[in-house]
């Protein structure tokens, strides 16, 4: 902790491009072969639904920035960032 100069939260949104492309392909394939197309579209929809935002605790040091913690829980991450900031303040 003695080398840490600042702490911040970082939010990483999932990349949904490939899921949307697969969904469109599945719907296009469903025109000619309904079973295959619906299966592809359902898989793509499930993939899109399962993606979640990832939150990181970023620690800044003289050597650069690094991700110290990754979680899907925003509230937990905010508590960790607050506790780390308090530790830096109390350290002096």
PDB file of N, CA and C in Angstrom:
ATOM      1  N   UNK A   1       0.812  -1.197   0.000  1.00  0.00           N
ATOM      2  CA  UNK A   1       0.000   0.000   0.000  1.00  0.00           C
ATOM      3  C   UNK A   1       0.855   1.260   0.000  1.00  0.00           C
ATOM      4  N   UNK A   2       2.111   1.171   0.398  1.00  0.00           N
ATOM      5  CA  UNK A   2       2.926   2.376   0.493  1.00  0.00           C
ATOM      6  C   UNK A   2       3.215   2.984  -0.880  1.00  0.00           C
ATOM      7  N   UNK A   3       3.177   2.195  -1.941  1.00  0.00           N
ATOM      8  CA  UNK A   3       3.455   2.714  -3.288  1.00  0.00           C
ATOM      9  C   UNK A   3       2.200   3.154  -4.034  1.00  0.00           C
ATOM     10  N   UNK A   4       1.021   2.874  -3.489  1.00  0.00           N
ATOM     11  CA  UNK A   4      -0.225   3.206  -4.169  1.00  0.00           C
ATOM     12  C   UNK A   4      -0.502   4.696  -4.006  1.00  0.00           C
ATOM     13  N   UNK A   5      -0.695   5.384  -5.134  1.00  0.00           N
ATOM     14  CA  UNK A   5      -0.960   6.823  -5.086  1.00  0.00           C
ATOM     15  C   UNK A   5      -2.439   7.149  -5.218  1.00  0.00           C
ATOM     16  N   UNK A   6      -3.183   6.324  -5.943  1.00  0.00           N
ATOM     17  CA  UNK A   6      -4.628   6.559  -6.058  1.00  0.00           C
ATOM     18  C   UNK A   6      -5.344   5.256  -6.399  1.00  0.00           C
ATOM     19  N   UNK A   7      -6.634   5.268  -6.111  1.00  0.00           N
ATOM     20  CA  UNK A   7      -7.498   4.110  -6.364  1.00  0.00           C
ATOM     21  C   UNK A   7      -8.731   4.608  -7.082  1.00  0.00           C
ATOM     22  N   UNK A   8      -9.156   3.881  -8.105  1.00  0.00           N
ATOM     23  CA  UNK A   8     -10.387   4.267  -8.789  1.00  0.00           C
ATOM     24  C   UNK A   8     -11.113   3.033  -9.301  1.00  0.00           C
ATOM     25  N   UNK A   9     -12.393   3.210  -9.529  1.00  0.00           N
ATOM     26  CA  UNK A   9     -13.217   2.142 -10.085  1.00  0.00           C
ATOM     27  C   UNK A   9     -13.254   2.293 -11.599  1.00  0.00           C
ATOM     28  N   UNK A  10     -13.270   1.171 -12.292  1.00  0.00           N
ATOM     29  CA  UNK A  10     -13.336   1.168 -13.751  1.00  0.00           C
ATOM     30  C   UNK A  10     -14.425   0.194 -14.169  1.00  0.00           C
ATOM     31  N   UNK A  11     -15.262   0.600 -15.110  1.00  0.00           N
ATOM     32  CA  UNK A  11     -16.373  -0.221 -15.583  1.00  0.00           C
ATOM     33  C   UNK A  11     -16.087  -0.676 -17.011  1.00  0.00           C
ATOM     34  N   UNK A  12     -16.125  -1.986 -17.226  1.00  0.00           N
ATOM     35  CA  UNK A  12     -15.879  -2.555 -18.547  1.00  0.00           C
ATOM     36  C   UNK A  12     -17.168  -3.182 -19.066  1.00  0.00           C
ATOM     37  N   UNK A  13     -17.743  -2.560 -20.059  1.00  0.00           N
ATOM     38  CA  UNK A  13     -18.988  -3.066 -20.650  1.00  0.00           C
ATOM     39  C   UNK A  13     -18.667  -4.234 -21.580  1.00  0.00           C
ATOM     40  N   UNK A  14     -19.544  -5.234 -21.638  1.00  0.00           N
ATOM     41  CA  UNK A  14     -19.286  -6.376 -22.525  1.00  0.00           C
ATOM     42  C   UNK A  14     -19.433  -5.979 -23.991  1.00  0.00           C
ATOM     43  N   UNK A  15     -18.680  -6.642 -24.851  1.00  0.00           N
ATOM     44  CA  UNK A  15     -18.773  -6.424 -26.289  1.00  0.00           C
ATOM     45  C   UNK A  15     -19.875  -7.332 -26.830  1.00  0.00           C
ATOM     46  N   UNK A  16     -20.941  -6.740 -27.269  1.00  0.00           N
ATOM     47  CA  UNK A  16     -22.107  -7.516 -27.714  1.00  0.00           C
ATOM     48  C   UNK A  16     -22.199  -7.639 -29.233  1.00  0.00           C
ATOM     49  N   UNK A  17     -21.202  -7.150 -29.959  1.00  0.00           N
ATOM     50  CA  UNK A  17     -21.261  -7.133 -31.415  1.00  0.00           C
ATOM     51  C   UNK A  17     -21.441  -8.528 -32.004  1.00  0.00           C
ATOM     52  N   UNK A  18     -20.622  -9.498 -31.551  1.00  0.00           N
ATOM     53  CA  UNK A  18     -20.694 -10.842 -32.137  1.00  0.00           C
ATOM     54  C   UNK A  18     -22.004 -11.544 -31.804  1.00  0.00           C
ATOM     55  N   UNK A  19     -22.566 -11.258 -30.636  1.00  0.00           N
ATOM     56  CA  UNK A  19     -23.866 -11.829 -30.295  1.00  0.00           C
ATOM     57  C   UNK A  19     -24.973 -11.292 -31.189  1.00  0.00           C
ATOM     58  N   UNK A  20     -24.911 -10.008 -31.495  1.00  0.00           N
ATOM     59  CA  UNK A  20     -25.913  -9.400 -32.378  1.00  0.00           C
ATOM     60  C   UNK A  20     -25.757  -9.931 -33.796  1.00  0.00           C
ATOM     61  N   UNK A  21     -24.512 -10.089 -34.249  1.00  0.00           N
ATOM     62  CA  UNK A  21     -24.262 -10.642 -35.582  1.00  0.00           C
ATOM     63  C   UNK A  21     -24.789 -12.077 -35.657  1.00  0.00           C
ATOM     64  N   UNK A  22     -24.514 -12.880 -34.650  1.00  0.00           N
ATOM     65  CA  UNK A  22     -24.998 -14.270 -34.640  1.00  0.00           C
ATOM     66  C   UNK A  22     -26.517 -14.326 -34.593  1.00  0.00           C
ATOM     67  N   UNK A  23     -27.135 -13.416 -33.860  1.00  0.00           N
ATOM     68  CA  UNK A  23     -28.598 -13.365 -33.801  1.00  0.00           C
ATOM     69  C   UNK A  23     -29.174 -13.039 -35.183  1.00  0.00           C
ATOM     70  N   UNK A  24     -28.579 -12.077 -35.863  1.00  0.00           N
ATOM     71  CA  UNK A  24     -29.042 -11.722 -37.203  1.00  0.00           C
ATOM     72  C   UNK A  24     -28.859 -12.884 -38.180  1.00  0.00           C
ATOM     73  N   UNK A  25     -27.726 -13.566 -38.093  1.00  0.00           N
ATOM     74  CA  UNK A  25     -27.483 -14.727 -38.966  1.00  0.00           C
ATOM     75  C   UNK A  25     -28.502 -15.823 -38.673  1.00  0.00           C
ATOM     76  N   UNK A  26     -28.773 -16.060 -37.394  1.00  0.00           N
ATOM     77  CA  UNK A  26     -29.760 -17.079 -37.018  1.00  0.00           C
ATOM     78  C   UNK A  26     -31.141 -16.770 -37.558  1.00  0.00           C
ATOM     79  N   UNK A  27     -31.514 -15.497 -37.494  1.00  0.00           N
ATOM     80  CA  UNK A  27     -32.830 -15.114 -38.032  1.00  0.00           C
ATOM     81  C   UNK A  27     -32.863 -15.237 -39.550  1.00  0.00           C
ATOM     82  N   UNK A  28     -31.745 -14.923 -40.212  1.00  0.00           N
ATOM     83  CA  UNK A  28     -31.685 -15.064 -41.667  1.00  0.00           C
ATOM     84  C   UNK A  28     -31.734 -16.536 -42.071  1.00  0.00           C
ATOM     85  N   UNK A  29     -31.044 -17.394 -41.337  1.00  0.00           N
ATOM     86  CA  UNK A  29     -31.038 -18.832 -41.639  1.00  0.00           C
ATOM     87  C   UNK A  29     -32.414 -19.436 -41.365  1.00  0.00           C
ATOM     88  N   UNK A  30     -33.145 -18.873 -40.398  1.00  0.00           N
ATOM     89  CA  UNK A  30     -34.465 -19.406 -40.035  1.00  0.00           C
ATOM     90  C   UNK A  30     -35.466 -19.312 -41.179  1.00  0.00           C
ATOM     91  N   UNK A  31     -35.214 -18.441 -42.137  1.00  0.00           N
ATOM     92  CA  UNK A  31     -36.127 -18.313 -43.280  1.00  0.00           C
ATOM     93  C   UNK A  31     -36.131 -19.601 -44.098  1.00  0.00           C
ATOM     94  N   UNK A  32     -34.945 -20.195 -44.320  1.00  0.00           N
ATOM     95  CA  UNK A  32     -34.844 -21.412 -45.137  1.00  0.00           C
ATOM     96  C   UNK A  32     -34.920 -22.685 -44.298  1.00  0.00           C
ATOM     97  N   UNK A  33     -34.244 -22.713 -43.171  1.00  0.00           N
ATOM     98  CA  UNK A  33     -34.251 -23.897 -42.305  1.00  0.00           C
ATOM     99  C   UNK A  33     -34.597 -23.448 -40.885  1.00  0.00           C
ATOM    100  N   UNK A  34     -35.868 -23.520 -40.535  1.00  0.00           N
ATOM    101  CA  UNK A  34     -36.328 -22.968 -39.259  1.00  0.00           C
ATOM    102  C   UNK A  34     -35.650 -23.564 -38.023  1.00  0.00           C
ATOM    103  N   UNK A  35     -35.425 -24.859 -37.995  1.00  0.00           N
ATOM    104  CA  UNK A  35     -34.849 -25.477 -36.798  1.00  0.00           C
ATOM    105  C   UNK A  35     -33.428 -24.970 -36.557  1.00  0.00           C
ATOM    106  N   UNK A  36     -32.605 -24.964 -37.577  1.00  0.00           N
ATOM    107  CA  UNK A  36     -31.220 -24.503 -37.438  1.00  0.00           C
ATOM    108  C   UNK A  36     -31.173 -23.016 -37.123  1.00  0.00           C
ATOM    109  N   UNK A  37     -31.977 -22.245 -37.817  1.00  0.00           N
ATOM    110  CA  UNK A  37     -31.986 -20.807 -37.608  1.00  0.00           C
ATOM    111  C   UNK A  37     -32.440 -20.416 -36.216  1.00  0.00           C
ATOM    112  N   UNK A  38     -33.492 -21.061 -35.743  1.00  0.00           N
ATOM    113  CA  UNK A  38     -33.988 -20.764 -34.397  1.00  0.00           C
ATOM    114  C   UNK A  38     -32.977 -21.211 -33.354  1.00  0.00           C
ATOM    115  N   UNK A  39     -32.292 -22.317 -33.606  1.00  0.00           N
ATOM    116  CA  UNK A  39     -31.259 -22.775 -32.670  1.00  0.00           C
ATOM    117  C   UNK A  39     -30.115 -21.771 -32.580  1.00  0.00           C
ATOM    118  N   UNK A  40     -29.664 -21.269 -33.721  1.00  0.00           N
ATOM    119  CA  UNK A  40     -28.586 -20.273 -33.732  1.00  0.00           C
ATOM    120  C   UNK A  40     -29.046 -18.998 -33.039  1.00  0.00           C
ATOM    121  N   UNK A  41     -30.256 -18.554 -33.349  1.00  0.00           N
ATOM    122  CA  UNK A  41     -30.786 -17.327 -32.757  1.00  0.00           C
ATOM    123  C   UNK A  41     -30.960 -17.476 -31.244  1.00  0.00           C
ATOM    124  N   UNK A  42     -31.424 -18.636 -30.801  1.00  0.00           N
ATOM    125  CA  UNK A  42     -31.601 -18.874 -29.363  1.00  0.00           C
ATOM    126  C   UNK A  42     -30.250 -18.886 -28.648  1.00  0.00           C
ATOM    127  N   UNK A  43     -29.257 -19.515 -29.258  1.00  0.00           N
ATOM    128  CA  UNK A  43     -27.914 -19.518 -28.671  1.00  0.00           C
ATOM    129  C   UNK A  43     -27.338 -18.116 -28.582  1.00  0.00           C
ATOM    130  N   UNK A  44     -27.543 -17.327 -29.621  1.00  0.00           N
ATOM    131  CA  UNK A  44     -27.042 -15.951 -29.631  1.00  0.00           C
ATOM    132  C   UNK A  44     -27.766 -15.110 -28.580  1.00  0.00           C
ATOM    133  N   UNK A  45     -29.072 -15.302 -28.453  1.00  0.00           N
ATOM    134  CA  UNK A  45     -29.835 -14.559 -27.444  1.00  0.00           C
ATOM    135  C   UNK A  45     -29.374 -14.932 -26.038  1.00  0.00           C
ATOM    136  N   UNK A  46     -29.115 -16.204 -25.808  1.00  0.00           N
ATOM    137  CA  UNK A  46     -28.618 -16.647 -24.500  1.00  0.00           C
ATOM    138  C   UNK A  46     -27.247 -16.042 -24.223  1.00  0.00           C
ATOM    139  N   UNK A  47     -26.386 -16.024 -25.232  1.00  0.00           N
ATOM    140  CA  UNK A  47     -25.062 -15.421 -25.090  1.00  0.00           C
ATOM    141  C   UNK A  47     -25.176 -13.940 -24.723  1.00  0.00           C
ATOM    142  N   UNK A  48     -26.054 -13.211 -25.400  1.00  0.00           N
ATOM    143  CA  UNK A  48     -26.251 -11.789 -25.098  1.00  0.00           C
ATOM    144  C   UNK A  48     -26.794 -11.588 -23.689  1.00  0.00           C
ATOM    145  N   UNK A  49     -27.698 -12.453 -23.277  1.00  0.00           N
ATOM    146  CA  UNK A  49     -28.306 -12.337 -21.948  1.00  0.00           C
ATOM    147  C   UNK A  49     -27.300 -12.623 -20.840  1.00  0.00           C
ATOM    148  N   UNK A  50     -26.378 -13.555 -21.077  1.00  0.00           N
ATOM    149  CA  UNK A  50     -25.436 -13.977 -20.034  1.00  0.00           C
ATOM    150  C   UNK A  50     -24.276 -12.994 -19.836  1.00  0.00           C
ATOM    151  N   UNK A  51     -24.035 -12.104 -20.775  1.00  0.00           N
ATOM    152  CA  UNK A  51     -22.936 -11.156 -20.639  1.00  0.00           C
ATOM    153  C   UNK A  51     -23.265 -10.118 -19.572  1.00  0.00           C
ATOM    154  N   UNK A  52     -22.275  -9.830 -18.721  1.00  0.00           N
ATOM    155  CA  UNK A  52     -22.461  -8.857 -17.651  1.00  0.00           C
ATOM    156  C   UNK A  52     -21.307  -7.868 -17.646  1.00  0.00           C
ATOM    157  N   UNK A  53     -21.570  -6.707 -17.091  1.00  0.00           N
ATOM    158  CA  UNK A  53     -20.536  -5.685 -16.957  1.00  0.00           C
ATOM    159  C   UNK A  53     -19.527  -6.127 -15.905  1.00  0.00           C
ATOM    160  N   UNK A  54     -18.247  -5.915 -16.204  1.00  0.00           N
ATOM    161  CA  UNK A  54     -17.166  -6.253 -15.274  1.00  0.00           C
ATOM    162  C   UNK A  54     -16.644  -4.953 -14.672  1.00  0.00           C
ATOM    163  N   UNK A  55     -16.466  -4.962 -13.354  1.00  0.00           N
ATOM    164  CA  UNK A  55     -15.956  -3.795 -12.642  1.00  0.00           C
ATOM    165  C   UNK A  55     -14.565  -4.114 -12.113  1.00  0.00           C
ATOM    166  N   UNK A  56     -13.656  -3.125 -12.203  1.00  0.00           N
ATOM    167  CA  UNK A  56     -12.264  -3.297 -11.790  1.00  0.00           C
ATOM    168  C   UNK A  56     -11.897  -2.245 -10.749  1.00  0.00           C
ATOM    169  N   UNK A  57     -11.033  -2.621  -9.796  1.00  0.00           N
ATOM    170  CA  UNK A  57     -10.379  -1.667  -8.920  1.00  0.00           C
ATOM    171  C   UNK A  57      -9.021  -1.403  -9.542  1.00  0.00           C
ATOM    172  N   UNK A  58      -8.780  -0.164  -9.935  1.00  0.00           N
ATOM    173  CA  UNK A  58      -7.525   0.217 -10.564  1.00  0.00           C
ATOM    174  C   UNK A  58      -6.644   0.922  -9.543  1.00  0.00           C
ATOM    175  N   UNK A  59      -5.438   0.399  -9.350  1.00  0.00           N
ATOM    176  CA  UNK A  59      -4.469   0.993  -8.439  1.00  0.00           C
ATOM    177  C   UNK A  59      -3.408   1.712  -9.263  1.00  0.00           C
ATOM    178  N   UNK A  60      -3.179   2.988  -8.938  1.00  0.00           N
ATOM    179  CA  UNK A  60      -2.139   3.764  -9.619  1.00  0.00           C
ATOM    180  C   UNK A  60      -0.915   3.832  -8.723  1.00  0.00           C
ATOM    181  N   UNK A  61       0.235   3.487  -9.282  1.00  0.00           N
ATOM    182  CA  UNK A  61       1.516   3.556  -8.575  1.00  0.00           C
ATOM    183  C   UNK A  61       2.490   4.332  -9.455  1.00  0.00           C
ATOM    184  N   UNK A  62       3.694   4.501  -8.970  1.00  0.00           N
ATOM    185  CA  UNK A  62       4.701   5.191  -9.777  1.00  0.00           C
ATOM    186  C   UNK A  62       5.058   4.375 -11.019  1.00  0.00           C
ATOM    187  N   UNK A  63       4.830   3.081 -10.982  1.00  0.00           N
ATOM    188  CA  UNK A  63       5.116   2.207 -12.111  1.00  0.00           C
ATOM    189  C   UNK A  63       3.992   2.118 -13.125  1.00  0.00           C
ATOM    190  N   UNK A  64       2.858   2.712 -12.844  1.00  0.00           N
ATOM    191  CA  UNK A  64       1.715   2.666 -13.763  1.00  0.00           C
ATOM    192  C   UNK A  64       0.453   2.229 -13.064  1.00  0.00           C
ATOM    193  N   UNK A  65      -0.550   1.873 -13.866  1.00  0.00           N
ATOM    194  CA  UNK A  65      -1.845   1.441 -13.338  1.00  0.00           C
ATOM    195  C   UNK A  65      -1.997  -0.054 -13.504  1.00  0.00           C
ATOM    196  N   UNK A  66      -2.655  -0.669 -12.520  1.00  0.00           N
ATOM    197  CA  UNK A  66      -2.906  -2.104 -12.591  1.00  0.00           C
ATOM    198  C   UNK A  66      -4.284  -2.416 -12.029  1.00  0.00           C
ATOM    199  N   UNK A  67      -4.894  -3.462 -12.553  1.00  0.00           N
ATOM    200  CA  UNK A  67      -6.192  -3.910 -12.064  1.00  0.00           C
ATOM    201  C   UNK A  67      -5.958  -4.870 -10.903  1.00  0.00           C
ATOM    202  N   UNK A  68      -6.460  -4.496  -9.716  1.00  0.00           N
ATOM    203  CA  UNK A  68      -6.213  -5.295  -8.523  1.00  0.00           C
ATOM    204  C   UNK A  68      -7.365  -6.244  -8.201  1.00  0.00           C
ATOM    205  N   UNK A  69      -8.565  -5.914  -8.665  1.00  0.00           N
ATOM    206  CA  UNK A  69      -9.741  -6.726  -8.337  1.00  0.00           C
ATOM    207  C   UNK A  69     -10.719  -6.621  -9.486  1.00  0.00           C
ATOM    208  N   UNK A  70     -11.339  -7.751  -9.837  1.00  0.00           N
ATOM    209  CA  UNK A  70     -12.395  -7.770 -10.855  1.00  0.00           C
ATOM    210  C   UNK A  70     -13.618  -8.435 -10.263  1.00  0.00           C
ATOM    211  N   UNK A  71     -14.786  -7.849 -10.502  1.00  0.00           N
ATOM    212  CA  UNK A  71     -16.029  -8.416  -9.989  1.00  0.00           C
ATOM    213  C   UNK A  71     -17.194  -7.960 -10.854  1.00  0.00           C
ATOM    214  N   UNK A  72     -18.308  -8.674 -10.732  1.00  0.00           N
ATOM    215  CA  UNK A  72     -19.547  -8.272 -11.404  1.00  0.00           C
ATOM    216  C   UNK A  72     -20.421  -7.446 -10.464  1.00  0.00           C
ATOM    217  N   UNK A  73     -20.042  -7.317  -9.218  1.00  0.00           N
ATOM    218  CA  UNK A  73     -20.860  -6.653  -8.198  1.00  0.00           C
ATOM    219  C   UNK A  73     -20.395  -5.218  -7.993  1.00  0.00           C
ATOM    220  N   UNK A  74     -21.193  -4.266  -8.469  1.00  0.00           N
ATOM    221  CA  UNK A  74     -20.823  -2.862  -8.405  1.00  0.00           C
ATOM    222  C   UNK A  74     -20.761  -2.343  -6.963  1.00  0.00           C
ATOM    223  N   UNK A  75     -21.713  -2.742  -6.129  1.00  0.00           N
ATOM    224  CA  UNK A  75     -21.756  -2.268  -4.745  1.00  0.00           C
ATOM    225  C   UNK A  75     -20.522  -2.733  -3.968  1.00  0.00           C
ATOM    226  N   UNK A  76     -20.153  -3.980  -4.151  1.00  0.00           N
ATOM    227  CA  UNK A  76     -18.967  -4.526  -3.490  1.00  0.00           C
ATOM    228  C   UNK A  76     -17.723  -3.752  -3.908  1.00  0.00           C
ATOM    229  N   UNK A  77     -17.605  -3.494  -5.200  1.00  0.00           N
ATOM    230  CA  UNK A  77     -16.455  -2.767  -5.705  1.00  0.00           C
ATOM    231  C   UNK A  77     -16.380  -1.366  -5.095  1.00  0.00           C
ATOM    232  N   UNK A  78     -17.509  -0.682  -4.975  1.00  0.00           N
ATOM    233  CA  UNK A  78     -17.517   0.662  -4.395  1.00  0.00           C
ATOM    234  C   UNK A  78     -17.057   0.633  -2.938  1.00  0.00           C
ATOM    235  N   UNK A  79     -17.443  -0.405  -2.207  1.00  0.00           N
ATOM    236  CA  UNK A  79     -17.002  -0.534  -0.816  1.00  0.00           C
ATOM    237  C   UNK A  79     -15.490  -0.749  -0.740  1.00  0.00           C
ATOM    238  N   UNK A  80     -14.945  -1.556  -1.638  1.00  0.00           N
ATOM    239  CA  UNK A  80     -13.512  -1.809  -1.649  1.00  0.00           C
ATOM    240  C   UNK A  80     -12.756  -0.535  -1.998  1.00  0.00           C
ATOM    241  N   UNK A  81     -13.229   0.210  -2.987  1.00  0.00           N
ATOM    242  CA  UNK A  81     -12.576   1.469  -3.376  1.00  0.00           C
ATOM    243  C   UNK A  81     -12.604   2.454  -2.218  1.00  0.00           C
ATOM    244  N   UNK A  82     -13.731   2.560  -1.532  1.00  0.00           N
ATOM    245  CA  UNK A  82     -13.833   3.463  -0.388  1.00  0.00           C
ATOM    246  C   UNK A  82     -12.867   3.061   0.718  1.00  0.00           C
ATOM    247  N   UNK A  83     -12.790   1.777   1.015  1.00  0.00           N
ATOM    248  CA  UNK A  83     -11.886   1.303   2.065  1.00  0.00           C
ATOM    249  C   UNK A  83     -10.424   1.554   1.694  1.00  0.00           C
ATOM    250  N   UNK A  84     -10.070   1.350   0.442  1.00  0.00           N
ATOM    251  CA  UNK A  84      -8.697   1.600   0.011  1.00  0.00           C
ATOM    252  C   UNK A  84      -8.362   3.092   0.061  1.00  0.00           C
ATOM    253  N   UNK A  85      -9.310   3.932  -0.335  1.00  0.00           N
ATOM    254  CA  UNK A  85      -9.084   5.377  -0.256  1.00  0.00           C
ATOM    255  C   UNK A  85      -8.906   5.826   1.192  1.00  0.00           C
ATOM    256  N   UNK A  86      -9.689   5.274   2.105  1.00  0.00           N
ATOM    257  CA  UNK A  86      -9.539   5.601   3.533  1.00  0.00           C
ATOM    258  C   UNK A  86      -8.171   5.136   4.046  1.00  0.00           C
ATOM    259  N   UNK A  87      -7.708   3.976   3.599  1.00  0.00           N
ATOM    260  CA  UNK A  87      -6.398   3.483   4.019  1.00  0.00           C
ATOM    261  C   UNK A  87      -5.292   4.411   3.528  1.00  0.00           C
ATOM    262  N   UNK A  88      -5.423   4.922   2.314  1.00  0.00           N
ATOM    263  CA  UNK A  88      -4.425   5.859   1.789  1.00  0.00           C
ATOM    264  C   UNK A  88      -4.428   7.151   2.595  1.00  0.00           C
ATOM    265  N   UNK A  89      -5.612   7.656   2.942  1.00  0.00           N
ATOM    266  CA  UNK A  89      -5.717   8.894   3.725  1.00  0.00           C
ATOM    267  C   UNK A  89      -5.112   8.691   5.113  1.00  0.00           C
ATOM    268  N   UNK A  90      -5.418   7.594   5.767  1.00  0.00           N
ATOM    269  CA  UNK A  90      -4.913   7.335   7.129  1.00  0.00           C
ATOM    270  C   UNK A  90      -3.411   7.047   7.141  1.00  0.00           C
ATOM    271  N   UNK A  91      -2.904   6.555   6.022  1.00  0.00           N
ATOM    272  CA  UNK A  91      -1.471   6.276   5.918  1.00  0.00           C
ATOM    273  C   UNK A  91      -0.669   7.572   5.997  1.00  0.00           C
ATOM    274  N   UNK A  92      -1.229   8.626   5.407  1.00  0.00           N
ATOM    275  CA  UNK A  92      -0.569   9.937   5.492  1.00  0.00           C
ATOM    276  C   UNK A  92       0.166  10.336   4.291  1.00  0.00           C
TER     277      UNK A  92
END
